[in-house]
């Protein structure tokens, strides 16, 4: 990818609904973004809205259809592609005059873009302007309409009480829906390795080179460390499936579910990718070429390339450029700040104001997720308020209507959701039967009732923004990362892009820690919590805690060396942060 012709940032997936139609809003301007493929019902509702708006035929896909989930995904993605194509065609018809959509396209580009240079030169010559307009018709880069599948969300499905074959599992069906769509884009696989889902990829021709050597659908892996990238990349390459991009996410995350490492910090992880990228390419390439030959597949038209990108907690143009220049990233993901950009995401006005007003104390690392994975959240979201009010009234748990997060089998043969009424009723009865102290009971109680219905909550804001009203009990769950605290107003798309490229500053005037130190702060909090709860008589738990502490200190040493020459202010800030954790001085005995 020639990054001088394109934007150097992308918008990652944000919840189930917030970026569900983001490509319609940003792809015509050359900005890539990611759609979640979790909620097929949500896709149906939004598809109907867009079909009416753009005068397209709409025929609902009934849940009585055998393969309805995959068909809904395919229909939705094809509709998004049609709408984006229509908007791009309209953009190409506009002039290069000030205020036009085409002029806005070039205005948004980074100042170092060769495309922007062409545009600037065209303003001085009619001949160059005519040449640029002609070039635009066939060559204007459009943002990629990428999709995300969380591999963990692969629930088994049933019909008439009988378990359906594995290809009807949630993630498998979503994958099939994308594979059957006409999109020429990428599949972002996140939330860990899934060998059976990776094997299922082999069934679809669009992931292999066609007769011209072109791969229509690429694979992106979201990873947390180099070893994971190497293992998964080689596994897929051995199937003849090339991973075109490894998307590294920091512990701070772009919002939503967070997957913290065992204390290994973002900087050292990026450093390993920087130093070892050639090993990743060579290892995967050898396995890929052998698989292509063994399967007698078409060879790719060009030498397989690997992009390395990063995301999570980025908030300034200096951080953006540092990731691009020092670590040689091919793109940087900006997630949470875009929650304040209705031109890019779909969000209701009440939640937008809640996020704009949120400060550090309002944003927290929660246990809301039924998956048992840490989840970024903000105090005051309407779903959380309703959940707490219901619990106070003795009404625990939610009606499980969408069933995407049914994984617990403590009390049932078929999995149920830990946020459901069915689960919480039984779990609360269980802890009542135990001989717990009041403090121990309250702690257990708080953990149980904290689980929230994400399936509904993460889509409500999108529906409200589109004027689609649901049940009175349908409230909003929102999942911003902690980076939101320093952005305190609604922004236009142009204001946000100008902030990314250093043409404007949208941060408020409160002190903001460097993205690396914000992540370190999170890991120090995790260490402190684990130190309080760990059973030091348990050899395994003790070993893990010792490793966690060592990894953090290795990261500290790395940052001190990294910034010693040109940013002593960060080192001073780092030392001040460490001084707030006397627990680090204690030996684990």
Protein backbone atom coordinates (compact mmCIF):
# COMPACT_ATOMS: atom_id res chain seq x y z
CA UNK A 1 0.00 0.00 0.00
CA UNK A 2 1.36 3.40 -1.00
CA UNK A 3 0.52 5.34 2.14
CA UNK A 4 1.51 8.60 0.45
CA UNK A 5 -1.61 8.23 -1.71
CA UNK A 6 -3.95 7.37 1.11
CA UNK A 7 -4.87 8.13 4.68
CA UNK A 8 -2.49 6.83 7.32
CA UNK A 9 -5.27 5.98 9.77
CA UNK A 10 -8.26 3.63 9.88
CA UNK A 11 -11.35 3.43 12.10
CA UNK A 12 -11.53 0.09 13.97
CA UNK A 13 -14.76 -1.66 14.85
CA UNK A 14 -16.59 0.13 17.69
CA UNK A 15 -19.21 -2.00 19.43
CA UNK A 16 -21.91 -3.87 17.54
CA UNK A 17 -23.63 -0.83 16.13
CA UNK A 18 -21.55 2.33 16.35
CA UNK A 19 -19.59 1.59 13.15
CA UNK A 20 -22.17 -0.64 11.45
CA UNK A 21 -22.71 1.95 8.71
CA UNK A 22 -19.49 3.94 9.08
CA UNK A 23 -18.22 2.94 5.59
CA UNK A 24 -21.18 4.76 4.03
CA UNK A 25 -20.02 7.92 5.80
CA UNK A 26 -16.24 7.74 5.36
CA UNK A 27 -15.30 5.29 2.56
CA UNK A 28 -16.11 7.83 -0.19
CA UNK A 29 -13.39 10.03 1.33
CA UNK A 30 -10.82 7.25 1.15
CA UNK A 31 -11.05 6.30 4.85
CA UNK A 32 -11.17 2.60 5.77
CA UNK A 33 -13.35 1.33 8.61
CA UNK A 34 -14.63 -1.91 10.12
CA UNK A 35 -18.16 -3.31 10.52
CA UNK A 36 -19.07 -5.82 13.25
CA UNK A 37 -20.79 -8.97 11.94
CA UNK A 38 -22.28 -10.05 15.27
CA UNK A 39 -25.88 -8.86 15.03
CA UNK A 40 -27.72 -9.96 11.87
CA UNK A 41 -31.06 -8.59 13.12
CA UNK A 42 -29.50 -5.15 13.53
CA UNK A 43 -28.18 -5.39 9.98
CA UNK A 44 -31.68 -6.16 8.69
CA UNK A 45 -33.12 -3.10 10.45
CA UNK A 46 -30.44 -0.77 9.10
CA UNK A 47 -30.59 -2.30 5.61
CA UNK A 48 -34.29 -1.44 5.45
CA UNK A 49 -33.55 2.18 6.41
CA UNK A 50 -30.91 2.57 3.71
CA UNK A 51 -32.94 0.81 1.04
CA UNK A 52 -35.76 3.31 1.59
CA UNK A 53 -33.34 6.25 1.65
CA UNK A 54 -31.59 5.25 -1.59
CA UNK A 55 -34.66 3.84 -3.37
CA UNK A 56 -33.36 0.27 -3.43
CA UNK A 57 -35.62 -2.79 -3.31
CA UNK A 58 -35.86 -4.36 0.15
CA UNK A 59 -36.93 -7.89 0.88
CA UNK A 60 -36.53 -9.02 4.45
CA UNK A 61 -34.63 -12.25 5.15
CA UNK A 62 -36.88 -14.22 7.49
CA UNK A 63 -35.35 -16.15 10.38
CA UNK A 64 -37.36 -19.10 9.03
CA UNK A 65 -34.90 -19.33 6.12
CA UNK A 66 -32.41 -22.15 6.75
CA UNK A 67 -29.29 -20.02 6.33
CA UNK A 68 -30.85 -16.70 7.36
CA UNK A 69 -27.87 -15.40 9.37
CA UNK A 70 -25.42 -15.74 6.47
CA UNK A 71 -27.97 -14.40 3.98
CA UNK A 72 -28.63 -11.35 6.15
CA UNK A 73 -24.90 -10.60 6.39
CA UNK A 74 -24.46 -10.96 2.62
CA UNK A 75 -27.49 -8.76 1.86
CA UNK A 76 -26.33 -6.08 4.27
CA UNK A 77 -22.76 -5.95 2.99
CA UNK A 78 -23.92 -5.87 -0.64
CA UNK A 79 -26.23 -2.97 0.24
CA UNK A 80 -23.38 -1.07 1.94
CA UNK A 81 -21.20 -1.65 -1.12
CA UNK A 82 -23.97 -0.36 -3.42
CA UNK A 83 -24.52 2.78 -1.32
CA UNK A 84 -20.79 3.53 -1.12
CA UNK A 85 -20.46 3.03 -4.89
CA UNK A 86 -23.36 5.41 -5.48
CA UNK A 87 -21.87 8.05 -3.20
CA UNK A 88 -18.43 7.70 -4.81
CA UNK A 89 -19.99 8.11 -8.27
CA UNK A 90 -21.69 11.30 -7.10
CA UNK A 91 -18.44 12.55 -5.59
CA UNK A 92 -16.60 11.97 -8.87
CA UNK A 93 -19.18 14.07 -10.71
CA UNK A 94 -18.56 17.08 -8.49
CA UNK A 95 -16.09 19.79 -9.38
CA UNK A 96 -12.78 20.66 -7.77
CA UNK A 97 -14.15 24.01 -6.62
CA UNK A 98 -14.02 25.05 -2.97
CA UNK A 99 -16.82 23.48 -0.94
CA UNK A 100 -17.44 20.55 -3.29
CA UNK A 101 -17.38 16.95 -2.11
CA UNK A 102 -14.37 16.20 -4.32
CA UNK A 103 -12.50 19.18 -2.92
CA UNK A 104 -13.33 17.93 0.59
CA UNK A 105 -11.86 14.52 -0.33
CA UNK A 106 -8.49 16.12 -1.13
CA UNK A 107 -8.70 18.57 1.78
CA UNK A 108 -8.98 15.68 4.26
CA UNK A 109 -5.84 13.93 2.99
CA UNK A 110 -2.58 14.16 4.96
CA UNK A 111 -0.40 17.05 3.85
CA UNK A 112 2.35 14.62 2.78
CA UNK A 113 0.01 12.82 0.38
CA UNK A 114 1.11 12.76 -3.24
CA UNK A 115 -2.58 12.99 -4.15
CA UNK A 116 -2.93 16.19 -2.18
CA UNK A 117 0.13 17.56 -3.94
CA UNK A 118 -1.57 16.82 -7.30
CA UNK A 119 -4.65 18.63 -6.08
CA UNK A 120 -2.69 21.68 -4.90
CA UNK A 121 -0.91 21.92 -8.25
CA UNK A 122 -4.21 21.59 -10.12
CA UNK A 123 -5.44 24.79 -8.48
CA UNK A 124 -2.80 26.72 -10.42
CA UNK A 125 -3.48 25.32 -13.89
CA UNK A 126 -6.67 24.49 -15.82
CA UNK A 127 -4.81 21.81 -17.74
CA UNK A 128 -3.61 20.11 -14.53
CA UNK A 129 -7.12 20.41 -13.08
CA UNK A 130 -8.63 18.69 -16.12
CA UNK A 131 -5.96 15.97 -15.94
CA UNK A 132 -6.71 15.37 -12.25
CA UNK A 133 -10.47 15.18 -12.86
CA UNK A 134 -9.88 12.58 -15.59
CA UNK A 135 -7.51 10.62 -13.32
CA UNK A 136 -10.10 10.64 -10.53
CA UNK A 137 -12.65 8.75 -12.62
CA UNK A 138 -10.59 5.53 -12.68
CA UNK A 139 -8.05 5.82 -9.88
CA UNK A 140 -9.50 7.64 -6.87
CA UNK A 141 -8.81 5.49 -3.78
CA UNK A 142 -11.92 4.53 -1.81
CA UNK A 143 -11.86 3.45 1.83
CA UNK A 144 -12.07 -0.28 2.44
CA UNK A 145 -15.33 -1.73 3.79
CA UNK A 146 -13.75 -4.20 6.21
CA UNK A 147 -15.60 -6.53 8.56
CA UNK A 148 -14.85 -7.97 12.00
CA UNK A 149 -15.58 -11.40 13.45
CA UNK A 150 -14.79 -12.07 17.10
CA UNK A 151 -13.75 -15.72 16.96
CA UNK A 152 -15.04 -16.28 20.51
CA UNK A 153 -18.57 -15.44 19.37
CA UNK A 154 -19.18 -18.77 17.65
CA UNK A 155 -22.26 -19.96 19.49
CA UNK A 156 -23.79 -23.32 18.54
CA UNK A 157 -27.31 -23.00 17.14
CA UNK A 158 -30.34 -25.30 17.28
CA UNK A 159 -33.45 -25.97 15.25
CA UNK A 160 -36.44 -27.83 16.69
CA UNK A 161 -34.25 -28.82 19.64
CA UNK A 162 -31.60 -30.39 17.43
CA UNK A 163 -28.08 -29.03 17.26
CA UNK A 164 -27.25 -27.70 13.80
CA UNK A 165 -23.98 -28.54 11.99
CA UNK A 166 -20.95 -26.44 12.86
CA UNK A 167 -21.24 -24.27 9.74
CA UNK A 168 -24.40 -22.77 11.29
CA UNK A 169 -22.48 -21.58 14.36
CA UNK A 170 -22.59 -17.77 14.68
CA UNK A 171 -19.03 -16.96 13.54
CA UNK A 172 -19.09 -19.59 10.79
CA UNK A 173 -22.36 -18.20 9.39
CA UNK A 174 -21.06 -14.62 9.56
CA UNK A 175 -17.89 -15.69 7.74
CA UNK A 176 -19.98 -17.37 5.04
CA UNK A 177 -22.07 -14.22 4.72
CA UNK A 178 -18.96 -12.11 4.11
CA UNK A 179 -17.40 -14.68 1.77
CA UNK A 180 -20.55 -14.73 -0.39
CA UNK A 181 -20.77 -10.93 -0.59
CA UNK A 182 -19.42 -8.91 -3.50
CA UNK A 183 -17.09 -6.89 -1.28
CA UNK A 184 -13.44 -6.58 -2.21
CA UNK A 185 -12.10 -5.93 1.28
CA UNK A 186 -10.69 -7.56 4.41
CA UNK A 187 -11.90 -9.82 7.20
CA UNK A 188 -10.56 -8.78 10.61
CA UNK A 189 -10.35 -11.79 12.94
CA UNK A 190 -10.08 -10.90 16.62
CA UNK A 191 -10.35 -12.34 20.13
CA UNK A 192 -7.90 -15.18 19.73
CA UNK A 193 -7.11 -18.18 17.58
CA UNK A 194 -9.87 -20.46 16.29
CA UNK A 195 -8.44 -23.44 14.33
CA UNK A 196 -11.87 -24.68 13.24
CA UNK A 197 -12.89 -21.25 11.93
CA UNK A 198 -9.53 -20.91 10.17
CA UNK A 199 -10.11 -24.27 8.52
CA UNK A 200 -13.56 -23.12 7.40
CA UNK A 201 -11.92 -20.23 5.51
CA UNK A 202 -10.48 -22.80 3.11
CA UNK A 203 -13.95 -23.36 1.62
CA UNK A 204 -14.19 -19.94 -0.03
CA UNK A 205 -12.43 -19.05 -3.27
CA UNK A 206 -12.31 -15.30 -2.62
CA UNK A 207 -9.56 -15.84 -0.02
CA UNK A 208 -7.31 -17.39 -2.68
CA UNK A 209 -5.74 -15.76 -5.77
CA UNK A 210 -8.07 -15.78 -8.79
CA UNK A 211 -6.99 -16.52 -12.36
CA UNK A 212 -5.32 -13.09 -12.46
CA UNK A 213 -3.53 -13.71 -9.17
CA UNK A 214 -5.73 -11.22 -7.30
CA UNK A 215 -7.06 -12.01 -3.81
CA UNK A 216 -10.53 -10.45 -3.55
CA UNK A 217 -10.90 -10.90 0.21
CA UNK A 218 -7.90 -10.42 2.47
CA UNK A 219 -7.33 -11.57 6.03
CA UNK A 220 -6.34 -9.27 8.90
CA UNK A 221 -5.42 -10.72 12.28
CA UNK A 222 -5.81 -8.58 15.39
CA UNK A 223 -2.98 -9.70 17.69
CA UNK A 224 -1.46 -8.74 21.02
CA UNK A 225 2.10 -10.00 20.52
CA UNK A 226 4.59 -11.22 17.92
CA UNK A 227 4.46 -14.90 18.89
CA UNK A 228 0.70 -14.97 18.34
CA UNK A 229 1.15 -13.37 14.93
CA UNK A 230 3.83 -15.87 13.92
CA UNK A 231 1.87 -18.94 15.06
CA UNK A 232 -1.45 -17.87 13.52
CA UNK A 233 0.10 -16.48 10.35
CA UNK A 234 2.02 -19.68 9.69
CA UNK A 235 -1.04 -21.81 10.44
CA UNK A 236 -3.13 -19.93 7.89
CA UNK A 237 -0.30 -19.79 5.33
CA UNK A 238 -0.01 -23.57 5.51
CA UNK A 239 -3.65 -23.68 4.33
CA UNK A 240 -2.86 -21.41 1.37
CA UNK A 241 -4.40 -18.42 3.16
CA UNK A 242 -2.27 -15.26 3.28
CA UNK A 243 -2.58 -12.83 6.19
CA UNK A 244 -2.13 -9.43 4.60
CA UNK A 245 -2.09 -7.42 7.83
CA UNK A 246 -1.36 -7.86 11.52
CA UNK A 247 -3.23 -5.32 13.60
CA UNK A 248 -1.57 -4.85 17.01
CA UNK A 249 -3.78 -3.47 19.76
CA UNK A 250 -2.52 -2.03 23.03
CA UNK A 251 -3.92 -3.03 26.40
CA UNK A 252 -5.68 0.34 26.57
CA UNK A 253 -7.63 -0.77 23.51
CA UNK A 254 -9.92 1.19 21.19
CA UNK A 255 -12.88 0.61 23.50
CA UNK A 256 -15.08 -2.41 24.10
CA UNK A 257 -13.54 -5.70 25.19
CA UNK A 258 -9.92 -5.48 26.28
CA UNK A 259 -7.47 -8.35 26.20
CA UNK A 260 -4.59 -7.31 28.46
CA UNK A 261 -1.32 -9.21 28.21
CA UNK A 262 0.55 -10.65 31.17
CA UNK A 263 2.16 -7.29 31.80
CA UNK A 264 3.96 -6.99 28.45
CA UNK A 265 3.70 -3.34 27.43
CA UNK A 266 2.78 -1.93 24.02
CA UNK A 267 6.17 -0.37 23.23
CA UNK A 268 8.20 -3.58 23.63
CA UNK A 269 5.58 -5.47 21.59
CA UNK A 270 5.86 -2.94 18.75
CA UNK A 271 9.65 -3.12 18.99
CA UNK A 272 9.61 -6.88 18.48
CA UNK A 273 7.48 -6.49 15.36
CA UNK A 274 9.82 -3.80 14.08
CA UNK A 275 12.88 -5.99 14.55
CA UNK A 276 11.32 -9.28 13.48
CA UNK A 277 8.99 -8.39 10.60
CA UNK A 278 11.29 -10.03 8.05
CA UNK A 279 11.17 -13.29 10.03
CA UNK A 280 7.36 -13.13 10.05
CA UNK A 281 7.25 -12.52 6.29
CA UNK A 282 9.82 -15.21 5.44
CA UNK A 283 8.24 -17.85 7.71
CA UNK A 284 4.73 -17.27 6.39
CA UNK A 285 5.88 -16.94 2.79
CA UNK A 286 7.64 -20.33 2.83
CA UNK A 287 4.55 -22.05 4.25
CA UNK A 288 2.25 -20.18 1.84
CA UNK A 289 4.20 -20.99 -1.32
CA UNK A 290 4.35 -24.68 -0.34
CA UNK A 291 0.58 -24.74 0.26
CA UNK A 292 -0.19 -22.94 -3.01
CA UNK A 293 1.86 -25.50 -4.90
CA UNK A 294 0.43 -28.49 -3.03
CA UNK A 295 -3.17 -27.35 -3.55
CA UNK A 296 -2.42 -26.41 -7.17
CA UNK A 297 -3.80 -22.91 -6.62
CA UNK A 298 -3.19 -19.80 -8.72
CA UNK A 299 -0.08 -17.93 -7.73
CA UNK A 300 -0.53 -14.36 -6.48
CA UNK A 301 0.06 -11.64 -9.08
CA UNK A 302 2.68 -9.94 -6.94
CA UNK A 303 5.01 -10.79 -4.09
CA UNK A 304 2.88 -11.33 -0.94
CA UNK A 305 3.19 -8.37 1.41
CA UNK A 306 2.46 -7.96 5.09
CA UNK A 307 1.22 -4.72 6.62
CA UNK A 308 1.81 -4.06 10.31
CA UNK A 309 -0.61 -1.62 11.93
CA UNK A 310 -1.25 -0.44 15.48
CA UNK A 311 -4.20 0.91 17.45
CA UNK A 312 -5.38 1.62 20.96
CA UNK A 313 -5.07 4.79 23.03
CA UNK A 314 -3.60 7.05 20.34
CA UNK A 315 -4.61 10.65 20.94
CA UNK A 316 -2.15 13.11 19.39
CA UNK A 317 -0.51 13.62 16.03
CA UNK A 318 2.86 13.21 17.77
CA UNK A 319 1.88 9.71 18.96
CA UNK A 320 0.46 8.90 15.53
CA UNK A 321 3.64 9.97 13.76
CA UNK A 322 5.84 8.20 16.30
CA UNK A 323 4.08 4.91 15.60
CA UNK A 324 4.39 5.48 11.86
CA UNK A 325 7.99 6.67 11.83
CA UNK A 326 9.76 4.90 14.69
CA UNK A 327 7.94 1.56 14.51
CA UNK A 328 7.32 1.65 10.73
CA UNK A 329 3.59 1.11 11.08
CA UNK A 330 1.61 1.11 7.83
CA UNK A 331 -1.48 2.64 9.45
CA UNK A 332 -2.71 3.68 12.89
CA UNK A 333 -6.19 2.96 14.23
CA UNK A 334 -8.12 5.80 15.86
CA UNK A 335 -11.16 4.41 17.64
CA UNK A 336 -12.55 6.04 20.76
CA UNK A 337 -12.22 9.72 19.68
CA UNK A 338 -14.46 8.96 16.70
CA UNK A 339 -17.29 8.23 19.14
CA UNK A 340 -17.65 12.03 19.27
CA UNK A 341 -17.95 12.30 15.46
CA UNK A 342 -21.54 11.65 14.34
CA UNK A 343 -20.40 12.20 10.75
CA UNK A 344 -18.43 8.96 11.13
CA UNK A 345 -20.36 6.81 13.63
CA UNK A 346 -24.02 6.27 14.52
CA UNK A 347 -24.78 7.49 18.03
CA UNK A 348 -27.79 9.02 19.77
CA UNK A 349 -27.62 12.57 21.16
CA UNK A 350 -27.95 11.60 24.84
CA UNK A 351 -25.05 9.16 24.68
CA UNK A 352 -23.01 11.61 22.62
CA UNK A 353 -23.37 14.22 25.38
CA UNK A 354 -22.53 11.63 28.05
CA UNK A 355 -19.28 10.83 26.25
CA UNK A 356 -18.40 14.48 25.58
CA UNK A 357 -18.80 15.26 29.28
CA UNK A 358 -16.92 12.16 30.51
CA UNK A 359 -13.68 12.71 32.39
CA UNK A 360 -11.06 10.27 33.70
CA UNK A 361 -13.10 9.44 36.81
CA UNK A 362 -16.11 8.51 34.67
CA UNK A 363 -14.33 5.98 32.45
CA UNK A 364 -13.54 2.61 33.94
CA UNK A 365 -12.42 -0.95 33.33
CA UNK A 366 -15.54 -2.99 34.06
CA UNK A 367 -16.82 -6.52 34.46
CA UNK A 368 -19.94 -5.80 32.37
CA UNK A 369 -19.23 -8.40 29.71
CA UNK A 370 -20.87 -11.83 30.01
CA UNK A 371 -17.75 -13.23 28.34
CA UNK A 372 -15.77 -12.60 31.54
CA UNK A 373 -13.35 -10.39 29.61
CA UNK A 374 -12.54 -6.86 30.90
CA UNK A 375 -14.76 -4.27 29.23
CA UNK A 376 -14.25 -0.53 28.88
CA UNK A 377 -17.23 1.51 30.01
CA UNK A 378 -18.48 4.87 31.27
CA UNK A 379 -20.61 5.65 34.30
CA UNK A 380 -24.10 6.87 33.52
CA UNK A 381 -24.90 4.81 30.40
CA UNK A 382 -28.65 4.15 30.31
CA UNK A 383 -28.39 0.33 30.24
CA UNK A 384 -26.21 0.35 33.36
CA UNK A 385 -28.62 2.74 35.10
CA UNK A 386 -31.56 0.45 34.28
CA UNK A 387 -29.66 -2.66 35.37
CA UNK A 388 -28.80 -1.14 38.77
CA UNK A 389 -32.35 0.14 39.31
CA UNK A 390 -33.77 -3.30 38.50
CA UNK A 391 -31.34 -4.98 40.88
CA UNK A 392 -32.34 -2.56 43.63
CA UNK A 393 -35.95 -3.61 43.01
CA UNK A 394 -35.00 -7.29 43.18
CA UNK A 395 -35.21 -7.81 39.41
CA UNK A 396 -31.88 -9.37 38.52
CA UNK A 397 -30.66 -10.11 35.03
CA UNK A 398 -31.94 -9.35 31.54
CA UNK A 399 -34.31 -11.13 29.19
CA UNK A 400 -31.96 -12.97 26.82
CA UNK A 401 -33.49 -12.13 23.45
CA UNK A 402 -30.56 -12.15 21.03
CA UNK A 403 -28.48 -14.92 22.63
CA UNK A 404 -25.10 -14.06 21.02
CA UNK A 405 -23.19 -14.40 24.34
CA UNK A 406 -24.57 -17.68 25.65
CA UNK A 407 -21.50 -19.55 26.91
CA UNK A 408 -22.06 -20.61 30.52
CA UNK A 409 -22.99 -24.20 31.41
CA UNK A 410 -22.76 -24.12 35.23
CA UNK A 411 -26.46 -24.88 35.61
CA UNK A 412 -27.62 -26.05 32.20
CA UNK A 413 -26.66 -28.44 29.43
CA UNK A 414 -27.16 -25.78 26.76
CA UNK A 415 -25.10 -22.62 27.35
CA UNK A 416 -26.83 -19.55 28.77
CA UNK A 417 -25.70 -15.95 29.26
CA UNK A 418 -24.36 -14.75 32.62
CA UNK A 419 -26.29 -11.48 32.16
CA UNK A 420 -29.59 -13.37 31.82
CA UNK A 421 -32.35 -13.69 34.42
CA UNK A 422 -32.05 -17.47 34.24
CA UNK A 423 -28.37 -17.46 35.19
CA UNK A 424 -28.41 -14.70 37.79
CA UNK A 425 -31.37 -16.17 39.66
CA UNK A 426 -29.54 -19.48 40.12
CA UNK A 427 -26.17 -17.89 40.86
CA UNK A 428 -27.62 -15.59 43.52
CA UNK A 429 -29.44 -18.51 45.15
CA UNK A 430 -26.15 -20.40 45.23
CA UNK A 431 -24.18 -17.67 47.02
CA UNK A 432 -27.05 -17.18 49.48
CA UNK A 433 -26.66 -20.83 50.47
CA UNK A 434 -22.98 -20.38 51.24
CA UNK A 435 -21.72 -19.39 54.66
CA UNK A 436 -20.18 -16.09 53.51
CA UNK A 437 -19.37 -13.02 55.54
CA UNK A 438 -21.34 -9.91 54.65
CA UNK A 439 -18.32 -8.40 52.89
CA UNK A 440 -17.64 -11.59 50.90
CA UNK A 441 -21.32 -11.90 49.93
CA UNK A 442 -21.52 -8.27 48.79
CA UNK A 443 -18.42 -8.72 46.67
CA UNK A 444 -19.82 -11.82 44.98
CA UNK A 445 -23.22 -10.16 44.56
CA UNK A 446 -21.70 -7.10 42.87
CA UNK A 447 -19.79 -9.27 40.38
CA UNK A 448 -22.91 -11.26 39.46
CA UNK A 449 -25.25 -8.33 38.88
CA UNK A 450 -22.59 -6.32 37.01
CA UNK A 451 -23.03 -8.44 33.88
CA UNK A 452 -24.96 -6.49 31.27
CA UNK A 453 -26.92 -7.34 28.13
CA UNK A 454 -24.39 -6.22 25.54
CA UNK A 455 -26.27 -7.85 22.65
CA UNK A 456 -29.08 -5.32 23.00
CA UNK A 457 -27.19 -2.45 24.61
CA UNK A 458 -24.48 -2.08 21.98
CA UNK A 459 -27.02 -1.66 19.17
CA UNK A 460 -29.63 0.66 20.71
CA UNK A 461 -27.71 3.90 20.13
CA UNK A 462 -27.47 3.11 16.40
CA UNK A 463 -31.21 2.42 16.20
CA UNK A 464 -32.11 5.61 18.07
CA UNK A 465 -29.86 7.63 15.77
CA UNK A 466 -31.84 6.22 12.82
CA UNK A 467 -35.23 6.91 14.43
CA UNK A 468 -35.92 3.21 15.00
CA UNK A 469 -37.60 2.89 18.38
CA UNK A 470 -37.53 -0.37 20.28
CA UNK A 471 -38.82 -1.56 23.64
CA UNK A 472 -38.78 0.75 26.67
CA UNK A 473 -36.31 -1.65 28.26
CA UNK A 474 -33.88 -1.30 25.35
CA UNK A 475 -31.20 0.98 26.77
CA UNK A 476 -27.71 1.96 25.64
CA UNK A 477 -24.44 0.27 26.49
CA UNK A 478 -21.42 2.26 25.36
CA UNK A 479 -17.80 1.15 25.48
CA UNK A 480 -15.27 3.99 25.06
CA UNK A 481 -11.62 3.53 25.91
CA UNK A 482 -10.02 5.77 28.57
CA UNK A 483 -8.58 8.02 25.86
CA UNK A 484 -12.03 9.62 25.53
CA UNK A 485 -11.43 11.63 28.74
CA UNK A 486 -9.30 14.17 26.89
CA UNK A 487 -11.76 14.83 24.05
CA UNK A 488 -14.67 16.85 25.38
CA UNK A 489 -16.85 18.03 22.51
CA UNK A 490 -18.69 16.83 19.45
CA UNK A 491 -16.47 17.04 16.36
CA UNK A 492 -17.00 17.09 12.62
CA UNK A 493 -15.21 14.54 10.47
CA UNK A 494 -12.90 17.25 9.17
CA UNK A 495 -12.06 18.47 12.68
CA UNK A 496 -11.16 14.93 13.77
CA UNK A 497 -9.04 14.24 10.67
CA UNK A 498 -7.29 17.60 11.05
CA UNK A 499 -6.49 16.64 14.65
CA UNK A 500 -4.97 13.34 13.54
CA UNK A 501 -2.74 15.07 10.99
CA UNK A 502 -1.72 17.95 13.26
CA UNK A 503 -3.62 20.67 11.42
CA UNK A 504 -5.76 21.39 14.50
CA UNK A 505 -5.95 20.38 18.16
CA UNK A 506 -9.18 18.92 19.54
CA UNK A 507 -7.88 17.94 23.00
CA UNK A 508 -9.13 19.89 25.97
CA UNK A 509 -6.65 21.73 28.17
CA UNK A 510 -6.27 19.09 30.91
CA UNK A 511 -3.00 17.16 31.26
CA UNK A 512 -3.01 13.98 29.19
CA UNK A 513 -0.50 11.16 29.79
CA UNK A 514 1.42 9.69 26.87
CA UNK A 515 -0.39 6.68 25.37
CA UNK A 516 2.35 4.32 26.57
CA UNK A 517 2.07 5.58 30.15
CA UNK A 518 -1.72 5.40 30.14
CA UNK A 519 -1.43 1.72 29.28
CA UNK A 520 1.24 1.22 31.94
CA UNK A 521 -1.05 2.82 34.52
CA UNK A 522 -3.71 0.24 33.64
CA UNK A 523 -1.26 -2.64 34.05
CA UNK A 524 -0.06 -1.28 37.40
CA UNK A 525 -3.66 -1.23 38.59
CA UNK A 526 -4.08 -4.81 37.40
CA UNK A 527 -0.89 -5.83 39.23
CA UNK A 528 -2.05 -4.16 42.45
CA UNK A 529 -5.42 -5.93 42.25
CA UNK A 530 -3.83 -9.31 41.52
CA UNK A 531 -1.35 -8.89 44.35
CA UNK A 532 -4.26 -8.38 46.77
CA UNK A 533 -6.16 -11.43 45.50
CA UNK A 534 -3.46 -13.94 44.58
CA UNK A 535 -2.98 -17.10 46.61
CA UNK A 536 0.79 -17.13 47.10
CA UNK A 537 0.55 -20.73 48.28
CA UNK A 538 -0.57 -21.59 44.75
CA UNK A 539 2.67 -22.08 42.81
CA UNK A 540 1.05 -21.39 39.41
CA UNK A 541 -0.60 -18.13 40.50
CA UNK A 542 2.60 -16.98 42.17
CA UNK A 543 4.67 -17.74 39.08
CA UNK A 544 2.24 -15.79 36.86
CA UNK A 545 2.35 -12.77 39.17
CA UNK A 546 6.16 -12.78 39.24
CA UNK A 547 6.19 -12.94 35.43
CA UNK A 548 3.68 -10.09 35.23
CA UNK A 549 5.83 -7.86 37.43
CA UNK A 550 8.99 -8.71 35.47
CA UNK A 551 7.29 -7.88 32.19
CA UNK A 552 6.19 -4.48 33.51
CA UNK A 553 9.70 -3.66 34.73
CA UNK A 554 11.19 -4.78 31.42
CA UNK A 555 8.81 -2.33 29.78
CA UNK A 556 9.86 0.45 32.16
CA UNK A 557 13.52 -0.13 31.26
CA UNK A 558 12.64 -0.10 27.56
CA UNK A 559 10.78 3.22 27.80
CA UNK A 560 13.58 4.85 29.78
CA UNK A 561 16.07 3.89 27.08
CA UNK A 562 13.65 4.84 24.27
CA UNK A 563 12.98 8.35 25.55
CA UNK A 564 16.32 9.09 27.23
CA UNK A 565 17.67 11.18 24.37
CA UNK A 566 14.71 13.29 23.34
CA UNK A 567 11.86 13.16 25.85
CA UNK A 568 12.99 13.36 29.46
CA UNK A 569 9.54 14.73 30.39
CA UNK A 570 8.02 11.31 29.70
CA UNK A 571 10.66 9.67 31.90
CA UNK A 572 9.84 12.07 34.74
CA UNK A 573 6.14 11.29 34.28
CA UNK A 574 6.94 7.57 34.27
CA UNK A 575 8.91 7.82 37.54
CA UNK A 576 6.09 9.79 39.16
CA UNK A 577 3.62 7.11 38.09
CA UNK A 578 5.76 4.31 39.55
CA UNK A 579 6.07 6.20 42.86
CA UNK A 580 2.30 5.83 43.34
CA UNK A 581 2.63 2.04 43.51
CA UNK A 582 4.69 1.10 46.59
CA UNK A 583 3.48 -2.48 46.01
CA UNK A 584 6.11 -2.76 43.28
CA UNK A 585 8.88 -2.52 45.87
CA UNK A 586 7.64 -5.57 47.75
CA UNK A 587 9.19 -8.91 47.00
CA UNK A 588 6.74 -11.69 46.23
CA UNK A 589 7.60 -14.28 48.84
